[in-house]
């Protein structure tokens, strides 16, 4: 009864997927951008949390605007893992939109966090000499964005694989 009111399975999977995203993208920041493990987690956690929160807000704002048939199919698919009669177009469209939107949100959040980090570094007292190996904002933008895209793609690929395996076993 409670699972039909509150989609506990969706909440569990969203938390699980968020942990996967944070772990993979932090690993990519650490390996390819060459920042510390702590700093890579400090970037990965808010980037992914913000992306997920905004994604859910957009979902709950725009789903009521859709026609009732599409709204019913989408809500059943997302919240209760019930596939519509012809799920291919819905799944593909939904995956592409979510992927692109989340990637855009992650890049935007990363840029914002980078600016905040740069600004806070400039505010440090001049007597404190920083001898960092490589600061985050000294790395070329292109490489940072490539790393974000790679990490995002890998994390979404693994999430898609998990969803396929879960749905394959439940049939």
Protein backbone atom coordinates (compact mmCIF):
# COMPACT_ATOMS: atom_id res chain seq x y z
CA UNK A 1 0.00 0.00 0.00
CA UNK A 2 2.71 2.46 0.99
CA UNK A 3 4.71 1.76 -2.18
CA UNK A 4 1.73 2.74 -4.33
CA UNK A 5 1.52 6.11 -2.58
CA UNK A 6 5.23 6.81 -2.17
CA UNK A 7 7.38 5.30 -4.92
CA UNK A 8 9.98 3.82 -2.57
CA UNK A 9 11.64 1.88 -5.35
CA UNK A 10 12.16 5.12 -7.31
CA UNK A 11 13.58 6.89 -4.25
CA UNK A 12 15.93 3.99 -3.60
CA UNK A 13 17.11 3.79 -7.21
CA UNK A 14 17.53 7.58 -7.47
CA UNK A 15 19.75 7.55 -4.37
CA UNK A 16 21.69 4.58 -5.70
CA UNK A 17 22.15 6.23 -9.11
CA UNK A 18 23.22 9.48 -7.48
CA UNK A 19 25.93 7.61 -5.56
CA UNK A 20 27.08 5.97 -8.80
CA UNK A 21 27.22 9.33 -10.58
CA UNK A 22 29.14 11.01 -7.76
CA UNK A 23 31.65 8.18 -7.52
CA UNK A 24 32.35 7.89 -11.23
CA UNK A 25 32.56 11.60 -11.89
CA UNK A 26 34.76 12.21 -8.84
CA UNK A 27 37.05 9.47 -10.11
CA UNK A 28 37.21 11.18 -13.50
CA UNK A 29 38.01 14.55 -11.88
CA UNK A 30 40.75 12.90 -9.82
CA UNK A 31 42.30 10.88 -12.66
CA UNK A 32 42.04 13.25 -15.59
CA UNK A 33 41.95 16.77 -14.14
CA UNK A 34 44.53 15.79 -11.51
CA UNK A 35 42.88 17.31 -8.46
CA UNK A 36 42.86 15.76 -5.01
CA UNK A 37 40.31 13.14 -4.06
CA UNK A 38 38.74 15.49 -1.54
CA UNK A 39 38.44 18.33 -4.07
CA UNK A 40 37.06 15.98 -6.73
CA UNK A 41 34.32 14.89 -4.33
CA UNK A 42 33.71 18.52 -3.35
CA UNK A 43 32.97 19.23 -7.01
CA UNK A 44 31.15 16.03 -7.89
CA UNK A 45 28.65 16.04 -5.01
CA UNK A 46 27.08 19.49 -5.56
CA UNK A 47 27.22 19.16 -9.36
CA UNK A 48 25.24 15.92 -9.27
CA UNK A 49 22.88 16.97 -6.46
CA UNK A 50 22.01 20.21 -8.25
CA UNK A 51 21.52 18.39 -11.54
CA UNK A 52 19.19 15.82 -9.94
CA UNK A 53 17.18 18.37 -7.97
CA UNK A 54 16.65 20.62 -10.98
CA UNK A 55 15.81 17.57 -13.09
CA UNK A 56 13.08 16.47 -10.69
CA UNK A 57 11.74 20.02 -10.42
CA UNK A 58 11.52 20.27 -14.20
CA UNK A 59 9.83 16.87 -14.31
CA UNK A 60 7.16 17.86 -11.79
CA UNK A 61 6.59 21.26 -13.41
CA UNK A 62 6.28 20.10 -17.03
CA UNK A 63 4.54 16.72 -16.68
CA UNK A 64 1.22 18.33 -15.64
CA UNK A 65 1.37 20.40 -18.86
CA UNK A 66 1.37 17.28 -21.06
CA UNK A 67 -1.78 15.62 -22.33
CA UNK A 68 -3.34 13.14 -19.94
CA UNK A 69 -2.37 9.99 -21.87
CA UNK A 70 1.32 10.96 -22.13
CA UNK A 71 1.28 12.20 -18.53
CA UNK A 72 -0.13 8.88 -17.30
CA UNK A 73 2.43 6.84 -19.28
CA UNK A 74 5.36 8.97 -18.16
CA UNK A 75 4.36 8.98 -14.48
CA UNK A 76 3.88 5.20 -14.51
CA UNK A 77 7.21 4.71 -16.26
CA UNK A 78 9.25 7.03 -14.02
CA UNK A 79 7.64 6.53 -10.63
CA UNK A 80 6.36 2.95 -10.78
CA UNK A 81 8.52 1.32 -13.50
CA UNK A 82 5.47 0.29 -15.55
CA UNK A 83 6.17 0.36 -19.27
CA UNK A 84 3.59 1.70 -21.74
CA UNK A 85 2.37 -0.45 -24.66
CA UNK A 86 5.01 0.93 -27.09
CA UNK A 87 7.85 1.93 -24.78
CA UNK A 88 10.67 2.37 -27.31
CA UNK A 89 9.93 5.96 -28.34
CA UNK A 90 9.21 7.06 -24.78
CA UNK A 91 12.36 5.51 -23.32
CA UNK A 92 14.63 6.79 -26.09
CA UNK A 93 13.20 10.30 -26.02
CA UNK A 94 13.28 10.45 -22.25
CA UNK A 95 16.86 9.17 -22.08
CA UNK A 96 18.14 11.67 -24.65
CA UNK A 97 16.38 14.62 -23.00
CA UNK A 98 17.53 13.65 -19.50
CA UNK A 99 21.09 13.05 -20.70
CA UNK A 100 21.36 16.41 -22.47
CA UNK A 101 19.65 18.38 -19.70
CA UNK A 102 21.74 16.79 -16.94
CA UNK A 103 24.95 17.37 -18.91
CA UNK A 104 24.09 21.04 -19.44
CA UNK A 105 23.24 21.47 -15.75
CA UNK A 106 26.47 19.76 -14.68
CA UNK A 107 28.65 21.92 -16.92
CA UNK A 108 26.88 25.07 -15.72
CA UNK A 109 27.21 24.07 -12.06
CA UNK A 110 30.85 23.13 -12.57
CA UNK A 111 31.57 26.54 -14.12
CA UNK A 112 29.82 28.29 -11.24
CA UNK A 113 31.74 26.29 -8.63
CA UNK A 114 34.98 26.98 -10.46
CA UNK A 115 34.32 30.72 -10.37
CA UNK A 116 33.50 30.56 -6.68
CA UNK A 117 36.70 28.60 -6.05
CA UNK A 118 38.76 31.08 -8.05
CA UNK A 119 37.18 34.01 -6.22
CA UNK A 120 37.79 32.45 -2.81
CA UNK A 121 41.43 31.76 -3.78
CA UNK A 122 41.85 35.43 -4.70
CA UNK A 123 40.46 36.44 -1.31
CA UNK A 124 43.15 34.52 0.57
CA UNK A 125 45.72 36.70 2.25
CA UNK A 126 48.80 37.48 0.16
CA UNK A 127 51.10 36.23 2.90
CA UNK A 128 49.79 32.73 2.37
CA UNK A 129 51.73 31.33 -0.53
CA UNK A 130 49.98 28.53 -2.27
CA UNK A 131 52.14 25.98 -3.96
CA UNK A 132 49.52 23.80 -5.49
CA UNK A 133 50.61 21.36 -8.13
CA UNK A 134 47.82 22.44 -10.46
CA UNK A 135 44.80 24.52 -9.66
CA UNK A 136 41.46 23.67 -11.19
CA UNK A 137 40.98 26.89 -13.10
CA UNK A 138 44.42 26.71 -14.74
CA UNK A 139 43.47 23.64 -16.73
CA UNK A 140 42.16 24.30 -20.22
CA UNK A 141 38.40 24.55 -20.47
CA UNK A 142 38.24 22.03 -23.26
CA UNK A 143 39.85 19.28 -21.19
CA UNK A 144 37.58 19.96 -18.21
CA UNK A 145 34.47 19.78 -20.35
CA UNK A 146 35.67 16.62 -22.03
CA UNK A 147 36.21 15.03 -18.62
CA UNK A 148 32.72 16.09 -17.51
CA UNK A 149 31.22 14.63 -20.69
CA UNK A 150 33.17 11.37 -20.32
CA UNK A 151 32.23 10.96 -16.66
CA UNK A 152 28.62 11.87 -17.35
CA UNK A 153 28.44 9.45 -20.29
CA UNK A 154 29.98 6.59 -18.34
CA UNK A 155 27.78 7.12 -15.29
CA UNK A 156 24.62 7.29 -17.42
CA UNK A 157 25.75 4.25 -19.40
CA UNK A 158 26.19 2.24 -16.21
CA UNK A 159 22.83 3.46 -14.91
CA UNK A 160 21.18 2.45 -18.19
CA UNK A 161 22.81 -0.99 -17.97
CA UNK A 162 21.52 -1.39 -14.39
CA UNK A 163 18.01 -0.38 -15.46
CA UNK A 164 18.10 -2.86 -18.34
CA UNK A 165 19.26 -5.65 -16.02
CA UNK A 166 16.63 -4.81 -13.39
CA UNK A 167 13.84 -4.71 -15.97
CA UNK A 168 15.12 -7.85 -17.69
CA UNK A 169 15.06 -9.80 -14.42
CA UNK A 170 11.60 -8.52 -13.49
CA UNK A 171 9.98 -9.85 -16.70
